[in-house]
Each structure stands twice: as C-alpha cells, then as structure tokens.
C-alpha atoms as a PDB file:
ATOM      1  CA  MET A   1      -2.381  -9.062  12.149  1.00  0.00           C
ATOM      2  CA  PRO A   2      -1.295  -5.506  11.245  1.00  0.00           C
ATOM      3  CA  GLU A   3      -3.294  -3.185   9.057  1.00  0.00           C
ATOM      4  CA  ILE A   4      -1.918  -2.654   5.527  1.00  0.00           C
ATOM      5  CA  LYS A   5      -2.263   0.796   3.968  1.00  0.00           C
ATOM      6  CA  VAL A   6      -1.608   1.323   0.265  1.00  0.00           C
ATOM      7  CA  VAL A   7      -0.405   4.819  -0.637  1.00  0.00           C
ATOM      8  CA  GLY A   8      -0.603   5.458  -4.369  1.00  0.00           C
ATOM      9  CA  ASP A   9      -1.914   9.005  -4.266  1.00  0.00           C
ATOM     10  CA  ILE A  10      -2.368  11.681  -1.611  1.00  0.00           C
ATOM     11  CA  ARG A  11      -5.382  13.990  -1.737  1.00  0.00           C
ATOM     12  CA  SER A  12      -4.746  16.303   1.196  1.00  0.00           C
ATOM     13  CA  GLY A  13      -1.926  18.455   2.496  1.00  0.00           C
ATOM     14  CA  LYS A  14       0.754  20.407   0.671  1.00  0.00           C
ATOM     15  CA  TYR A  15       2.096  17.387  -1.196  1.00  0.00           C
ATOM     16  CA  GLN A  16      -0.569  15.808  -3.416  1.00  0.00           C
ATOM     17  CA  PRO A  17       0.943  13.329  -5.886  1.00  0.00           C
ATOM     18  CA  THR A  18      -1.382  11.290  -8.078  1.00  0.00           C
ATOM     19  CA  LEU A  19      -1.076   7.990  -9.867  1.00  0.00           C
ATOM     20  CA  THR A  20      -2.764   8.961 -13.144  1.00  0.00           C
ATOM     21  CA  GLY A  21      -3.897  12.531 -12.539  1.00  0.00           C
ATOM     22  CA  ASN A  22      -7.559  11.503 -12.246  1.00  0.00           C
ATOM     23  CA  ALA A  23      -8.785  10.959  -8.678  1.00  0.00           C
ATOM     24  CA  ILE A  24     -11.592   8.582  -9.710  1.00  0.00           C
ATOM     25  CA  VAL A  25      -9.285   6.420 -11.804  1.00  0.00           C
ATOM     26  CA  ASP A  26      -6.606   6.478  -9.099  1.00  0.00           C
ATOM     27  CA  ALA A  27      -9.099   5.332  -6.474  1.00  0.00           C
ATOM     28  CA  ALA A  28     -10.336   2.490  -8.672  1.00  0.00           C
ATOM     29  CA  LEU A  29      -6.812   1.303  -9.507  1.00  0.00           C
ATOM     30  CA  ILE A  30      -5.625   1.423  -5.915  1.00  0.00           C
ATOM     31  CA  ASP A  31      -8.804  -0.254  -4.623  1.00  0.00           C
ATOM     32  CA  HIS A  32      -8.341  -3.036  -7.184  1.00  0.00           C
ATOM     33  CA  PHE A  33      -4.725  -3.475  -6.046  1.00  0.00           C
ATOM     34  CA  CYS A  34      -5.893  -3.665  -2.407  1.00  0.00           C
ATOM     35  CA  GLN A  35      -8.554  -6.263  -3.251  1.00  0.00           C
ATOM     36  CA  GLN A  36      -6.035  -8.375  -5.175  1.00  0.00           C
ATOM     37  CA  LEU A  37      -3.539  -8.189  -2.308  1.00  0.00           C
ATOM     38  CA  ALA A  38      -6.106  -9.060   0.370  1.00  0.00           C
ATOM     39  CA  ALA A  39      -7.298 -12.050  -1.662  1.00  0.00           C
ATOM     40  CA  ALA A  40      -3.764 -13.305  -2.295  1.00  0.00           C
ATOM     41  CA  LEU A  41      -2.884 -13.075   1.400  1.00  0.00           C
ATOM     42  CA  HIS A  42      -6.250 -14.495   2.531  1.00  0.00           C
ATOM     43  CA  LEU A  43      -6.956 -11.362   4.564  1.00  0.00           C
ATOM     44  CA  PRO A  44     -10.253  -9.586   5.147  1.00  0.00           C
ATOM     45  CA  ALA A  45     -10.730  -6.793   2.602  1.00  0.00           C
ATOM     46  CA  GLN A  46     -10.946  -4.137   5.324  1.00  0.00           C
ATOM     47  CA  GLN A  47      -7.445  -5.042   6.530  1.00  0.00           C
ATOM     48  CA  VAL A  48      -5.870  -3.893   3.251  1.00  0.00           C
ATOM     49  CA  HIS A  49      -7.040  -0.461   2.140  1.00  0.00           C
ATOM     50  CA  ALA A  50      -6.052   2.693   0.292  1.00  0.00           C
ATOM     51  CA  GLU A  51      -4.726   5.614   2.287  1.00  0.00           C
ATOM     52  CA  HIS A  52      -5.547   8.745   0.276  1.00  0.00           C
ATOM     53  CA  HIS A  53      -4.920  11.195   3.128  1.00  0.00           C
ATOM     54  CA  TRP A  54      -1.521  10.050   4.388  1.00  0.00           C
ATOM     55  CA  ASN A  55       0.320  12.741   6.365  1.00  0.00           C
ATOM     56  CA  LEU A  56       3.819  11.378   5.613  1.00  0.00           C
ATOM     57  CA  THR A  57       4.214   9.805   9.057  1.00  0.00           C
ATOM     58  CA  LEU A  58       4.635   6.114   9.794  1.00  0.00           C
ATOM     59  CA  ASP A  59       2.848   4.163  12.510  1.00  0.00           C
ATOM     60  CA  ALA A  60       4.977   1.214  13.627  1.00  0.00           C
ATOM     61  CA  ALA A  61       1.874  -1.000  13.969  1.00  0.00           C
ATOM     62  CA  THR A  62       0.906  -0.498  10.307  1.00  0.00           C
ATOM     63  CA  ILE A  63       2.459  -1.876   7.132  1.00  0.00           C
ATOM     64  CA  TYR A  64       2.665   0.674   4.338  1.00  0.00           C
ATOM     65  CA  VAL A  65       2.781  -0.185   0.645  1.00  0.00           C
ATOM     66  CA  ILE A  66       3.940   3.076  -0.918  1.00  0.00           C
ATOM     67  CA  ASP A  67       4.343   4.120  -4.530  1.00  0.00           C
ATOM     68  CA  GLN A  68       8.040   4.408  -5.358  1.00  0.00           C
ATOM     69  CA  GLN A  69       7.684   7.949  -6.712  1.00  0.00           C
ATOM     70  CA  ILE A  70       6.011   9.104  -3.494  1.00  0.00           C
ATOM     71  CA  TRP A  71       8.593   7.353  -1.293  1.00  0.00           C
ATOM     72  CA  GLN A  72      11.498   9.012  -3.110  1.00  0.00           C
ATOM     73  CA  THR A  73      10.214  12.461  -2.167  1.00  0.00           C
ATOM     74  CA  ILE A  74       9.661  11.790   1.545  1.00  0.00           C
ATOM     75  CA  PRO A  75      12.286  13.266   3.870  1.00  0.00           C
ATOM     76  CA  LEU A  76      12.662  10.132   6.011  1.00  0.00           C
ATOM     77  CA  SER A  77      16.004   8.512   6.696  1.00  0.00           C
ATOM     78  CA  GLY A  78      16.595   4.842   6.020  1.00  0.00           C
ATOM     79  CA  HIS A  79      14.064   2.265   4.944  1.00  0.00           C
ATOM     80  CA  PRO A  80      11.755   1.164   7.763  1.00  0.00           C
ATOM     81  CA  ARG A  81      10.860  -2.522   7.950  1.00  0.00           C
ATOM     82  CA  ASN A  82       7.134  -1.706   7.781  1.00  0.00           C
ATOM     83  CA  VAL A  83       7.419   0.033   4.383  1.00  0.00           C
ATOM     84  CA  ILE A  84       7.187  -1.857   1.105  1.00  0.00           C
ATOM     85  CA  ILE A  85       7.857   0.070  -2.059  1.00  0.00           C
ATOM     86  CA  VAL A  86       5.722  -0.616  -5.144  1.00  0.00           C
ATOM     87  CA  THR A  87       6.118   0.757  -8.657  1.00  0.00           C
ATOM     88  CA  SER A  88       3.398   2.905 -10.187  1.00  0.00           C
ATOM     89  CA  HIS A  89       3.205   0.339 -12.968  1.00  0.00           C
ATOM     90  CA  ASP A  90       2.362  -2.460 -10.489  1.00  0.00           C
ATOM     91  CA  LEU A  91      -0.307  -0.287  -8.854  1.00  0.00           C
ATOM     92  CA  GLN A  92      -1.855   0.603 -12.200  1.00  0.00           C
ATOM     93  CA  ARG A  93      -1.819  -2.997 -13.442  1.00  0.00           C
ATOM     94  CA  GLY A  94      -2.929  -4.557 -10.159  1.00  0.00           C
ATOM     95  CA  ASP A  95       0.248  -6.680 -10.100  1.00  0.00           C
ATOM     96  CA  ILE A  96       0.672  -7.695  -6.478  1.00  0.00           C
ATOM     97  CA  THR A  97       3.384 -10.325  -7.021  1.00  0.00           C
ATOM     98  CA  THR A  98       6.359  -8.337  -5.699  1.00  0.00           C
ATOM     99  CA  VAL A  99       4.425  -6.838  -2.787  1.00  0.00           C
ATOM    100  CA  ALA A 100       2.922 -10.198  -1.753  1.00  0.00           C
ATOM    101  CA  GLN A 101       6.405 -11.744  -1.687  1.00  0.00           C
ATOM    102  CA  ALA A 102       7.728  -8.873   0.438  1.00  0.00           C
ATOM    103  CA  LEU A 103       4.748  -9.103   2.795  1.00  0.00           C
ATOM    104  CA  ALA A 104       5.285 -12.838   3.197  1.00  0.00           C
ATOM    105  CA  LYS A 105       8.636 -11.974   4.793  1.00  0.00           C
ATOM    106  CA  VAL A 106       7.115  -9.378   7.143  1.00  0.00           C
ATOM    107  CA  LEU A 107       3.742 -10.814   8.169  1.00  0.00           C
ATOM    108  CA  PRO A 108       3.483 -13.587  10.736  1.00  0.00           C
ATOM    109  CA  ASN A 109       2.328 -16.556   8.625  1.00  0.00           C
ATOM    110  CA  PRO A 110       0.160 -14.515   6.185  1.00  0.00           C
ATOM    111  CA  PHE A 111      -1.195 -17.444   4.177  1.00  0.00           C
ATOM    112  CA  SER A 112      -2.901 -18.999   7.174  1.00  0.00           C
ATOM    113  CA  ALA A 113      -4.741 -15.842   8.193  1.00  0.00           C
ATOM    114  CA  SER A 114      -8.417 -16.237   8.852  1.00  0.00           C
ATOM    115  CA  ASN A 115     -11.146 -14.005   7.466  1.00  0.00           C
ATOM    116  CA  ASN A 116     -12.540 -13.102  10.896  1.00  0.00           C
END
C-alpha cells in the first residue's frame, strides 16, 4: 500500500504557502484531515501524514493530496495519476469525502486494508 502525503502548507524552501497563516493551526488542521482520511480508508495513521517540507518533486511510489492553491503554482506539466487535488476549504474543515472517493479509484482495494 503506498504512502499518502498531504501537502497543505510548506515550511521550507523558497516557496512557503500556508493554509491559514498560522503554522500551529495549519499543522492541527492538516493532521486532523490525515487522521480522518486514514480512518475512512482503514489505514494505519502513519501511512497518511502531513508533508510540511515538500520540495515540489513527486515520487511515483507516493500518493500526494495537495492543496489546490499550492498545485496551481507548481511548474509541472499535466496531472499525474498519483496527485489528488483538495480545496483549502476541505483541508480546513476536515472534509475527506472528495479525496476518499478519488483515492478509492487509485488505491488497490483501500477499504480492505489491514492495520498492520
């Protein structure tokens, strides 16, 4: 099962977008989103986590859930299959509905995953 990284803010490098402007609040909101997503997909919590130090590169073995505003500024061509775009509103509200549906199409049988 691939690792899922949620990018809602970036704290290092030249490009440092934030979700709310407050690093503590951003971390809490993104962590809550990750916990909700892991629970909905029946995945271990450590398999779905925030990526606060993303260097704007994609690893083919990882699934990225990226804030729409961040994705729009990245100079990458096309839309890779391992990238799922999420609105800032969904991240802030912990609404995983759209992302869970998109992941269901990408993950190999996500709802039967074990918590090993």
